[in-house]
C-alpha atoms as a PDB file:
ATOM      1  CA  MET A   1      -0.146   0.001   0.057  1.00  0.00           C
ATOM      2  CA  SER A   2       1.153   3.486  -1.074  1.00  0.00           C
ATOM      3  CA  SER A   3       1.543   6.259   1.164  1.00  0.00           C
ATOM      4  CA  LEU A   4      -1.067   7.948  -0.453  1.00  0.00           C
ATOM      5  CA  ASP A   5      -3.446   4.910  -0.065  1.00  0.00           C
ATOM      6  CA  ARG A   6      -2.882   4.813   3.800  1.00  0.00           C
ATOM      7  CA  VAL A   7      -3.730   8.359   3.979  1.00  0.00           C
ATOM      8  CA  GLY A   8      -6.717   7.894   1.977  1.00  0.00           C
ATOM      9  CA  LYS A   9      -7.783   4.970   4.187  1.00  0.00           C
ATOM     10  CA  SER A  10      -7.212   7.058   7.182  1.00  0.00           C
ATOM     11  CA  LEU A  11      -9.936   9.679   6.006  1.00  0.00           C
ATOM     12  CA  THR A  12     -12.400   7.118   6.939  1.00  0.00           C
ATOM     13  CA  GLU A  13     -10.638   6.719  10.314  1.00  0.00           C
ATOM     14  CA  ILE A  14     -10.026  10.715  11.521  1.00  0.00           C
ATOM     15  CA  GLU A  15     -12.703  12.036  13.701  1.00  0.00           C
ATOM     16  CA  GLU A  16     -13.970  15.692  13.711  1.00  0.00           C
ATOM     17  CA  LYS A  17     -11.680  16.500  16.908  1.00  0.00           C
ATOM     18  CA  ASP A  18      -8.919  14.801  15.002  1.00  0.00           C
ATOM     19  CA  TRP A  19      -9.633  17.410  12.417  1.00  0.00           C
ATOM     20  CA  ILE A  20      -9.206  20.177  14.609  1.00  0.00           C
ATOM     21  CA  VAL A  21      -6.035  19.370  15.775  1.00  0.00           C
ATOM     22  CA  LEU A  22      -4.707  18.729  12.613  1.00  0.00           C
ATOM     23  CA  HIS A  23      -5.781  22.065  11.439  1.00  0.00           C
ATOM     24  CA  ALA A  24      -4.361  23.852  14.309  1.00  0.00           C
ATOM     25  CA  LEU A  25      -0.935  21.975  13.505  1.00  0.00           C
ATOM     26  CA  GLU A  26      -1.339  23.254   9.897  1.00  0.00           C
ATOM     27  CA  ARG A  27      -1.697  26.732  10.918  1.00  0.00           C
ATOM     28  CA  LEU A  28       1.271  26.736  13.346  1.00  0.00           C
ATOM     29  CA  ILE A  29       3.885  25.320  10.787  1.00  0.00           C
ATOM     30  CA  PHE A  30       4.611  29.033   9.366  1.00  0.00           C
ATOM     31  CA  SER A  31       5.800  29.503  13.130  1.00  0.00           C
ATOM     32  CA  TYR A  32       7.323  26.820  14.739  1.00  0.00           C
ATOM     33  CA  GLU A  33       9.423  23.420  13.483  1.00  0.00           C
ATOM     34  CA  VAL A  34       8.380  21.685  16.374  1.00  0.00           C
ATOM     35  CA  ILE A  35       5.370  22.884  17.910  1.00  0.00           C
ATOM     36  CA  PRO A  36       4.977  22.696  21.444  1.00  0.00           C
ATOM     37  CA  PRO A  37       1.565  21.189  22.872  1.00  0.00           C
ATOM     38  CA  ALA A  38       0.619  24.305  24.680  1.00  0.00           C
ATOM     39  CA  ARG A  39       0.200  26.150  21.391  1.00  0.00           C
ATOM     40  CA  ILE A  40      -1.525  23.384  19.725  1.00  0.00           C
ATOM     41  CA  ILE A  41      -4.262  23.487  23.051  1.00  0.00           C
ATOM     42  CA  ARG A  42      -4.503  27.444  22.529  1.00  0.00           C
ATOM     43  CA  VAL A  43      -5.122  27.203  18.507  1.00  0.00           C
ATOM     44  CA  SER A  44      -7.442  23.994  18.678  1.00  0.00           C
ATOM     45  CA  GLY A  45      -9.600  25.244  21.368  1.00  0.00           C
ATOM     46  CA  LEU A  46      -9.533  21.963  22.854  1.00  0.00           C
ATOM     47  CA  ASP A  47      -8.852  21.011  26.673  1.00  0.00           C
ATOM     48  CA  ARG A  48      -5.031  19.521  27.286  1.00  0.00           C
ATOM     49  CA  ALA A  49      -6.482  15.974  27.625  1.00  0.00           C
ATOM     50  CA  GLU A  50      -8.459  16.112  24.501  1.00  0.00           C
ATOM     51  CA  VAL A  51      -5.382  17.277  22.518  1.00  0.00           C
ATOM     52  CA  GLU A  52      -2.815  14.789  24.133  1.00  0.00           C
ATOM     53  CA  PHE A  53      -5.347  11.812  23.085  1.00  0.00           C
ATOM     54  CA  ARG A  54      -5.683  13.488  19.597  1.00  0.00           C
ATOM     55  CA  LEU A  55      -2.197  14.048  19.045  1.00  0.00           C
ATOM     56  CA  ASN A  56      -1.429  10.390  19.802  1.00  0.00           C
ATOM     57  CA  ARG A  57      -4.026   8.978  17.479  1.00  0.00           C
ATOM     58  CA  LEU A  58      -2.563  11.571  14.553  1.00  0.00           C
ATOM     59  CA  ASN A  59       0.846  10.127  15.656  1.00  0.00           C
ATOM     60  CA  GLY A  60      -0.365   6.261  15.426  1.00  0.00           C
ATOM     61  CA  MET A  61      -1.809   6.869  11.917  1.00  0.00           C
ATOM     62  CA  LYS A  62       1.539   8.613  11.159  1.00  0.00           C
ATOM     63  CA  LEU A  63       0.274  11.838   9.876  1.00  0.00           C
ATOM     64  CA  ILE A  64       2.522  13.890  12.734  1.00  0.00           C
ATOM     65  CA  VAL A  65       5.495  12.929  14.655  1.00  0.00           C
ATOM     66  CA  GLY A  66       6.502  13.681  17.984  1.00  0.00           C
ATOM     67  CA  LYS A  67       6.038  13.363  21.438  1.00  0.00           C
ATOM     68  CA  GLY A  68       6.211  15.227  24.829  1.00  0.00           C
ATOM     69  CA  LYS A  69       7.873  18.370  24.085  1.00  0.00           C
ATOM     70  CA  GLY A  70       6.683  18.902  20.272  1.00  0.00           C
ATOM     71  CA  TYR A  71       4.982  17.932  17.268  1.00  0.00           C
ATOM     72  CA  SER A  72       5.831  18.375  13.613  1.00  0.00           C
ATOM     73  CA  LEU A  73       2.787  17.751  10.950  1.00  0.00           C
ATOM     74  CA  VAL A  74       4.609  15.527   7.982  1.00  0.00           C
ATOM     75  CA  SER A  75       3.763  15.268   4.383  1.00  0.00           C
ATOM     76  CA  ALA A  76       1.133  12.659   4.925  1.00  0.00           C
ATOM     77  CA  GLY A  77      -0.948  14.742   7.595  1.00  0.00           C
ATOM     78  CA  LEU A  78      -1.025  17.621   4.746  1.00  0.00           C
ATOM     79  CA  ASP A  79      -1.898  15.066   2.030  1.00  0.00           C
ATOM     80  CA  ALA A  80      -4.741  14.032   4.313  1.00  0.00           C
ATOM     81  CA  ILE A  81      -6.200  17.740   5.024  1.00  0.00           C
ATOM     82  CA  ALA A  82      -5.857  18.480   1.043  1.00  0.00           C
ATOM     83  CA  LEU A  83      -7.548  15.137   0.009  1.00  0.00           C
ATOM     84  CA  ASN A  84     -10.622  16.135   2.903  1.00  0.00           C
ATOM     85  CA  ALA A  85     -10.782  19.460   1.268  1.00  0.00           C
ATOM     86  CA  PHE A  86     -11.372  18.137  -2.291  1.00  0.00           C
ATOM     87  CA  VAL A  87     -13.749  15.550  -0.790  1.00  0.00           C
ATOM     88  CA  LYS A  88     -16.039  18.683   1.097  1.00  0.00           C
ATOM     89  CA  ARG A  89     -15.835  20.339  -2.379  1.00  0.00           C
ATOM     90  CA  ASN A  90     -17.108  17.203  -4.104  1.00  0.00           C
ATOM     91  CA  LEU A  91     -14.417  16.964  -6.188  1.00  0.00           C
ATOM     92  CA  ALA A  92     -13.022  13.991  -5.136  1.00  0.00           C
ATOM     93  CA  SER A  93     -14.303  10.597  -3.825  1.00  0.00           C
ATOM     94  CA  ALA A  94     -12.280   7.686  -4.198  1.00  0.00           C
ATOM     95  CA  LEU A  95      -8.379   7.279  -4.964  1.00  0.00           C
ATOM     96  CA  GLY A  96      -7.537   5.591  -8.079  1.00  0.00           C
ATOM     97  CA  LYS A  97      -4.062   4.222  -9.540  1.00  0.00           C
ATOM     98  CA  ALA A  98      -0.834   5.955  -9.476  1.00  0.00           C
ATOM     99  CA  ILE A  99      -0.069   7.906 -12.391  1.00  0.00           C
ATOM    100  CA  GLY A 100       3.468   8.988 -11.549  1.00  0.00           C
ATOM    101  CA  MET A 101       5.677   9.062  -8.707  1.00  0.00           C
ATOM    102  CA  GLY A 102       8.974  11.637  -9.591  1.00  0.00           C
ATOM    103  CA  LYS A 103      11.431  12.977  -7.395  1.00  0.00           C
ATOM    104  CA  GLU A 104       9.243  16.047  -6.627  1.00  0.00           C
ATOM    105  CA  SER A 105       5.791  14.911  -7.023  1.00  0.00           C
ATOM    106  CA  ASP A 106       3.401  12.290  -6.788  1.00  0.00           C
ATOM    107  CA  VAL A 107       0.325  12.369  -9.402  1.00  0.00           C
ATOM    108  CA  ILE A 108      -2.381  10.010  -8.685  1.00  0.00           C
ATOM    109  CA  GLU A 109      -5.786   9.324 -10.101  1.00  0.00           C
ATOM    110  CA  VAL A 110      -9.133  10.627  -8.520  1.00  0.00           C
ATOM    111  CA  ILE A 111     -12.473  10.023  -9.151  1.00  0.00           C
ATOM    112  CA  ASN A 112     -15.531  11.987  -8.165  1.00  0.00           C
ATOM    113  CA  ASP A 113     -19.258  11.222  -7.163  1.00  0.00           C
ATOM    114  CA  LEU A 114     -20.336  11.510 -11.021  1.00  0.00           C
ATOM    115  CA  GLY A 115     -17.389   8.803 -12.068  1.00  0.00           C
ATOM    116  CA  GLU A 116     -15.289  11.446 -13.612  1.00  0.00           C
ATOM    117  CA  GLU A 117     -11.420  10.756 -13.441  1.00  0.00           C
ATOM    118  CA  TYR A 118      -9.127  13.417 -12.616  1.00  0.00           C
ATOM    119  CA  ALA A 119      -5.714  13.787 -11.547  1.00  0.00           C
ATOM    120  CA  ILE A 120      -4.095  15.002  -8.167  1.00  0.00           C
ATOM    121  CA  LYS A 121      -0.455  16.473  -8.368  1.00  0.00           C
ATOM    122  CA  PHE A 122       1.450  16.293  -4.861  1.00  0.00           C
ATOM    123  CA  TYR A 123       4.381  18.558  -4.479  1.00  0.00           C
ATOM    124  CA  ARG A 124       7.256  16.144  -2.823  1.00  0.00           C
ATOM    125  CA  ILE A 125      10.033  18.875  -3.384  1.00  0.00           C
ATOM    126  CA  GLY A 126      12.016  18.062   0.101  1.00  0.00           C
ATOM    127  CA  ARG A 127      12.715  14.400  -1.795  1.00  0.00           C
ATOM    128  CA  ILE A 128      15.926  16.283  -3.684  1.00  0.00           C
ATOM    129  CA  SER A 129      18.733  17.580  -1.578  1.00  0.00           C
ATOM    130  CA  PHE A 130      18.341  21.235  -0.353  1.00  0.00           C
ATOM    131  CA  ARG A 131      21.257  22.604  -2.046  1.00  0.00           C
ATOM    132  CA  ALA A 132      19.921  21.354  -5.893  1.00  0.00           C
ATOM    133  CA  VAL A 133      16.477  22.816  -4.965  1.00  0.00           C
ATOM    134  CA  ARG A 134      17.626  26.381  -3.511  1.00  0.00           C
ATOM    135  CA  ARG A 135      19.971  26.671  -6.634  1.00  0.00           C
ATOM    136  CA  LYS A 136      17.019  26.107  -8.815  1.00  0.00           C
ATOM    137  CA  ARG A 137      13.761  27.274  -7.145  1.00  0.00           C
ATOM    138  CA  GLY A 138      13.184  31.143  -6.765  1.00  0.00           C
ATOM    139  CA  TYR A 139      10.522  30.699  -3.898  1.00  0.00           C
ATOM    140  CA  THR A 140      13.062  28.625  -0.824  1.00  0.00           C
ATOM    141  CA  SER A 141      15.261  29.936   1.453  1.00  0.00           C
ATOM    142  CA  THR A 142      16.987  27.896   4.547  1.00  0.00           C
ATOM    143  CA  LEU A 143      14.548  24.857   4.514  1.00  0.00           C
ATOM    144  CA  ALA A 144      14.248  22.382   7.495  1.00  0.00           C
ATOM    145  CA  GLY A 145      11.184  20.438   8.839  1.00  0.00           C
ATOM    146  CA  HIS A 146       7.895  22.055   8.346  1.00  0.00           C
ATOM    147  CA  ARG A 147       9.856  24.639   5.566  1.00  0.00           C
ATOM    148  CA  TRP A 148       9.525  21.969   3.284  1.00  0.00           C
ATOM    149  CA  LEU A 149       5.846  21.871   3.418  1.00  0.00           C
ATOM    150  CA  ILE A 150       5.564  25.313   3.144  1.00  0.00           C
ATOM    151  CA  THR A 151       7.717  25.163  -0.116  1.00  0.00           C
ATOM    152  CA  ASN A 152       5.325  22.659  -1.595  1.00  0.00           C
ATOM    153  CA  MET A 153       2.606  24.579  -0.648  1.00  0.00           C
ATOM    154  CA  LYS A 154       4.235  27.680  -2.556  1.00  0.00           C
ATOM    155  CA  ALA A 155       5.053  25.377  -5.610  1.00  0.00           C
ATOM    156  CA  ALA A 156       1.398  23.978  -5.901  1.00  0.00           C
ATOM    157  CA  LYS A 157       0.100  27.865  -5.954  1.00  0.00           C
ATOM    158  CA  LYS A 158       2.548  28.810  -8.735  1.00  0.00           C
ATOM    159  CA  GLU A 159       1.591  25.430 -10.959  1.00  0.00           C
ATOM    160  CA  TYR A 160      -1.909  26.211 -10.500  1.00  0.00           C
ATOM    161  CA  ASP A 161      -1.785  29.995 -11.296  1.00  0.00           C
ATOM    162  CA  ALA A 162       0.370  29.156 -14.655  1.00  0.00           C
ATOM    163  CA  LEU A 163      -1.919  26.527 -15.417  1.00  0.00           C
ATOM    164  CA  ARG A 164      -5.104  29.113 -15.036  1.00  0.00           C
ATOM    165  CA  ARG A 165      -3.484  31.619 -17.197  1.00  0.00           C
ATOM    166  CA  LEU A 166      -2.487  29.205 -20.031  1.00  0.00           C
ATOM    167  CA  HIS A 167      -5.174  27.092 -20.538  1.00  0.00           C
ATOM    168  CA  PRO A 168      -7.659  29.384 -21.431  1.00  0.00           C
ATOM    169  CA  ILE A 169      -5.340  31.308 -24.166  1.00  0.00           C
ATOM    170  CA  GLY A 170      -5.208  27.611 -25.728  1.00  0.00           C
ATOM    171  CA  ILE A 171      -1.586  26.634 -24.567  1.00  0.00           C
ATOM    172  CA  SER A 172      -1.509  22.585 -24.578  1.00  0.00           C
ATOM    173  CA  VAL A 173      -1.315  22.161 -20.644  1.00  0.00           C
ATOM    174  CA  PRO A 174      -3.601  20.373 -18.379  1.00  0.00           C
ATOM    175  CA  GLU A 175      -6.757  22.253 -17.093  1.00  0.00           C
ATOM    176  CA  ALA A 176      -6.268  23.033 -13.642  1.00  0.00           C
ATOM    177  CA  ILE A 177      -9.621  22.871 -11.687  1.00  0.00           C
ATOM    178  CA  ALA A 178      -8.685  23.372  -7.911  1.00  0.00           C
ATOM    179  CA  ARG A 179      -5.727  23.795  -5.446  1.00  0.00           C
ATOM    180  CA  GLU A 180      -5.597  22.798  -1.679  1.00  0.00           C
ATOM    181  CA  ARG A 181      -2.345  23.272  -0.176  1.00  0.00           C
ATOM    182  CA  HIS A 182       0.301  21.547  -1.668  1.00  0.00           C
ATOM    183  CA  ALA A 183      -1.875  19.666  -4.119  1.00  0.00           C
ATOM    184  CA  VAL A 184      -3.074  20.646  -7.708  1.00  0.00           C
ATOM    185  CA  LEU A 185      -6.304  18.777  -9.148  1.00  0.00           C
ATOM    186  CA  MET A 186      -6.375  18.710 -12.907  1.00  0.00           C
ATOM    187  CA  ARG A 187      -7.837  17.201 -15.841  1.00  0.00           C
ATOM    188  CA  LYS A 188      -6.167  13.912 -16.265  1.00  0.00           C
ATOM    189  CA  VAL A 189      -4.158  13.477 -19.632  1.00  0.00           C
ATOM    190  CA  GLU A 190      -3.679  10.066 -20.930  1.00  0.00           C
ATOM    191  CA  ALA A 191      -0.033  10.494 -22.843  1.00  0.00           C
ATOM    192  CA  PRO A 192       3.347   9.018 -22.381  1.00  0.00           C
ATOM    193  CA  MET A 193       6.439  11.152 -21.594  1.00  0.00           C
ATOM    194  CA  LEU A 194       8.268  12.282 -24.855  1.00  0.00           C
ATOM    195  CA  SER A 195      11.475  10.443 -23.048  1.00  0.00           C
ATOM    196  CA  ASP A 196       9.589   7.240 -23.239  1.00  0.00           C
ATOM    197  CA  ILE A 197       8.678   7.375 -26.731  1.00  0.00           C
ATOM    198  CA  GLU A 198      10.600   5.049 -29.145  1.00  0.00           C
ATOM    199  CA  VAL A 199       9.283   6.122 -32.418  1.00  0.00           C
ATOM    200  CA  LEU A 200       7.090   9.323 -33.640  1.00  0.00           C
ATOM    201  CA  ASP A 201       5.326   9.333 -37.033  1.00  0.00           C
ATOM    202  CA  SER A 202       5.807  12.750 -37.494  1.00  0.00           C
ATOM    203  CA  PRO A 203       8.474  13.710 -35.243  1.00  0.00           C
ATOM    204  CA  LYS A 204       9.003  17.408 -37.406  1.00  0.00           C
ATOM    205  CA  GLU A 205       5.355  18.265 -36.463  1.00  0.00           C
ATOM    206  CA  VAL A 206       5.453  16.871 -33.156  1.00  0.00           C
ATOM    207  CA  LEU A 207       8.750  19.436 -32.504  1.00  0.00           C
ATOM    208  CA  TYR A 208       6.824  22.315 -34.136  1.00  0.00           C
ATOM    209  CA  ASP A 209       3.897  21.754 -31.788  1.00  0.00           C
ATOM    210  CA  ILE A 210       6.083  22.181 -29.115  1.00  0.00           C
ATOM    211  CA  LEU A 211       7.780  24.884 -30.338  1.00  0.00           C
ATOM    212  CA  ASP A 212       4.732  26.932 -30.884  1.00  0.00           C
ATOM    213  CA  ASN A 213       3.082  26.282 -27.295  1.00  0.00           C
ATOM    214  CA  ILE A 214       6.242  27.794 -26.216  1.00  0.00           C
ATOM    215  CA  LYS A 215       6.208  30.824 -28.569  1.00  0.00           C
ATOM    216  CA  ARG A 216       2.257  31.345 -27.396  1.00  0.00           C
ATOM    217  CA  ALA A 217       2.880  31.027 -23.970  1.00  0.00           C
ATOM    218  CA  TYR A 218       6.111  33.809 -24.069  1.00  0.00           C
ATOM    219  CA  MET A 219       4.116  36.099 -26.634  1.00  0.00           C
ATOM    220  CA  VAL A 220       0.490  36.318 -25.248  1.00  0.00           C
ATOM    221  CA  GLU A 221       1.140  35.740 -21.571  1.00  0.00           C
ATOM    222  CA  GLY A 222       4.869  36.352 -21.137  1.00  0.00           C
ATOM    223  CA  ILE A 223       5.596  33.020 -19.435  1.00  0.00           C
ATOM    224  CA  VAL A 224       8.572  30.747 -19.803  1.00  0.00           C
ATOM    225  CA  ASN A 225       8.712  27.164 -18.552  1.00  0.00           C
ATOM    226  CA  SER A 226      12.604  27.496 -17.538  1.00  0.00           C
ATOM    227  CA  ASP A 227      12.977  23.602 -16.657  1.00  0.00           C
ATOM    228  CA  LEU A 228      11.563  22.079 -19.797  1.00  0.00           C
ATOM    229  CA  SER A 229      12.664  18.854 -21.423  1.00  0.00           C
ATOM    230  CA  GLU A 230      11.821  15.374 -22.811  1.00  0.00           C
ATOM    231  CA  TYR A 231      10.588  14.835 -19.284  1.00  0.00           C
ATOM    232  CA  ASN A 232       7.605  17.214 -18.671  1.00  0.00           C
ATOM    233  CA  VAL A 233       6.473  17.078 -22.497  1.00  0.00           C
ATOM    234  CA  LEU A 234       3.766  14.505 -23.071  1.00  0.00           C
ATOM    235  CA  TYR A 235       2.457  13.172 -26.261  1.00  0.00           C
ATOM    236  CA  ASP A 236      -0.652  11.296 -26.878  1.00  0.00           C
ATOM    237  CA  GLY A 237      -0.422  10.908 -30.658  1.00  0.00           C
ATOM    238  CA  GLU A 238      -2.055  13.953 -31.832  1.00  0.00           C
ATOM    239  CA  ARG A 239      -0.974  16.830 -29.311  1.00  0.00           C
ATOM    240  CA  VAL A 240       1.464  17.443 -26.936  1.00  0.00           C
ATOM    241  CA  TRP A 241       1.018  18.534 -23.515  1.00  0.00           C
ATOM    242  CA  ILE A 242       3.683  20.886 -21.600  1.00  0.00           C
ATOM    243  CA  ILE A 243       3.223  19.737 -18.000  1.00  0.00           C
ATOM    244  CA  ASP A 244       5.225  21.135 -14.672  1.00  0.00           C
ATOM    245  CA  TRP A 245       5.101  24.794 -14.372  1.00  0.00           C
ATOM    246  CA  PRO A 246       5.956  25.692 -10.687  1.00  0.00           C
ATOM    247  CA  GLN A 247       9.265  27.304 -11.871  1.00  0.00           C
ATOM    248  CA  TYR A 248       8.257  29.233 -14.683  1.00  0.00           C
ATOM    249  CA  VAL A 249       9.507  32.877 -14.989  1.00  0.00           C
ATOM    250  CA  GLU A 250       7.586  35.969 -16.148  1.00  0.00           C
ATOM    251  CA  LYS A 251       9.017  38.097 -19.099  1.00  0.00           C
ATOM    252  CA  ASP A 252      10.579  40.783 -16.889  1.00  0.00           C
ATOM    253  CA  HIS A 253      12.815  38.152 -15.410  1.00  0.00           C
ATOM    254  CA  PRO A 254      16.418  39.541 -15.380  1.00  0.00           C
ATOM    255  CA  ASN A 255      17.172  35.845 -16.678  1.00  0.00           C
ATOM    256  CA  VAL A 256      14.635  35.163 -19.211  1.00  0.00           C
ATOM    257  CA  SER A 257      16.488  35.353 -22.480  1.00  0.00           C
ATOM    258  CA  VAL A 258      18.928  32.958 -20.937  1.00  0.00           C
ATOM    259  CA  LEU A 259      15.974  30.023 -19.727  1.00  0.00           C
ATOM    260  CA  LEU A 260      13.816  30.686 -23.068  1.00  0.00           C
ATOM    261  CA  ASP A 261      16.752  29.805 -24.646  1.00  0.00           C
ATOM    262  CA  ARG A 262      18.021  26.760 -22.771  1.00  0.00           C
ATOM    263  CA  ASP A 263      14.180  25.322 -22.725  1.00  0.00           C
ATOM    264  CA  ILE A 264      14.280  25.236 -26.764  1.00  0.00           C
ATOM    265  CA  PHE A 265      17.966  24.059 -26.522  1.00  0.00           C
ATOM    266  CA  ASN A 266      16.688  21.060 -24.587  1.00  0.00           C
ATOM    267  CA  ILE A 267      14.139  20.080 -27.054  1.00  0.00           C
ATOM    268  CA  LEU A 268      16.183  20.903 -30.007  1.00  0.00           C
ATOM    269  CA  LYS A 269      18.857  18.317 -28.649  1.00  0.00           C
ATOM    270  CA  PHE A 270      16.417  15.796 -27.471  1.00  0.00           C
ATOM    271  CA  PHE A 271      14.671  15.631 -30.987  1.00  0.00           C
ATOM    272  CA  LYS A 272      18.089  15.597 -32.597  1.00  0.00           C
ATOM    273  CA  LYS A 273      19.643  12.913 -30.988  1.00  0.00           C
ATOM    274  CA  LYS A 274      16.634  10.514 -30.539  1.00  0.00           C
ATOM    275  CA  PHE A 275      14.735  11.118 -33.853  1.00  0.00           C
ATOM    276  CA  LYS A 276      17.484  12.558 -36.235  1.00  0.00           C
ATOM    277  CA  VAL A 277      15.348  15.840 -36.441  1.00  0.00           C
ATOM    278  CA  ASP A 278      17.503  18.767 -36.990  1.00  0.00           C
ATOM    279  CA  CYS A 279      16.392  22.605 -36.116  1.00  0.00           C
ATOM    280  CA  LYS A 280      19.095  25.521 -35.709  1.00  0.00           C
ATOM    281  CA  LEU A 281      18.831  27.045 -31.859  1.00  0.00           C
ATOM    282  CA  GLU A 282      18.644  30.639 -33.794  1.00  0.00           C
ATOM    283  CA  SER A 283      15.688  29.579 -35.997  1.00  0.00           C
ATOM    284  CA  ALA A 284      13.751  28.515 -33.209  1.00  0.00           C
ATOM    285  CA  SER A 285      14.622  31.079 -30.840  1.00  0.00           C
ATOM    286  CA  PHE A 286      13.959  33.784 -33.542  1.00  0.00           C
ATOM    287  CA  TYR A 287      10.683  32.010 -33.890  1.00  0.00           C
ATOM    288  CA  VAL A 288       9.774  31.502 -30.280  1.00  0.00           C
ATOM    289  CA  ARG A 289      10.387  35.128 -29.984  1.00  0.00           C
ATOM    290  CA  GLY A 290       8.606  36.586 -32.837  1.00  0.00           C
ATOM    291  CA  TRP A 291      11.173  37.681 -34.690  1.00  0.00           C
ATOM    292  CA  SER A 292      10.680  35.314 -37.450  1.00  0.00           C
ATOM    293  CA  GLU A 293       7.555  33.660 -39.030  1.00  0.00           C
ATOM    294  CA  LYS A 294       9.843  31.091 -40.595  1.00  0.00           C
ATOM    295  CA  LEU A 295      10.981  27.613 -38.629  1.00  0.00           C
ATOM    296  CA  GLU A 296      13.602  25.287 -40.271  1.00  0.00           C
ATOM    297  CA  ILE A 297      13.086  21.959 -39.074  1.00  0.00           C
ATOM    298  CA  PHE A 298      15.128  19.682 -41.243  1.00  0.00           C
END
């Protein structure tokens, strides 16, 4: 059973006063790495004996960790809070299969009361080293304990905001439906990553589709993914889907030119190596920036 399966199961076991204590812990993660019981008692509004009982229950369910002098909310606890919020909004009623488990996120299928299938992306940025994260992510600082949870919530918010801006203008990204804490609920996309595809019938057309989406995101909405590669582009046989946007930058970012060219270069390099399709960086760069309508792909 995966950790998310365990969390899903725990939703049926968590009682009303457990939720009160969980939410108290959530409110306090912005102020404490290890939360004193006295603060939990004050924020929850419950008496000491009740809080101690609930803390022991939540500890047993592995939604928090700690003993005696202090407690910490862990990812599973934040997962439970986010999932419960989606349930209350009638956006989820059952968890389905895992779609993808990566270094920075878990994506799992979810089904609502009408039987409609969606996907929920839970951020797990703390899985990779702090040094690498701090170097790549603009929204991180000194991270430890609850700081990872806060960083994941910021990442989810940033990706949600990007998808909500890009999808309405026709950029081929998943449609974001809702966000709760560190989790984004979106329309499910059934497609493999480019990195996993061995043969493309029309690789030139697929490359053009990717570059055209990069162009429209940049020209219309002023957004650059800034971490684009074959690992965050999906292809369903008819169209590409560009995923993973929490690290995007705006057009006025001081390094936007470098980041845009890096995105383009990563895609061109992959297509040349795997599918023997060639497109010069200058041609692609000029096209994406709107400096030229001509895009030479060989």
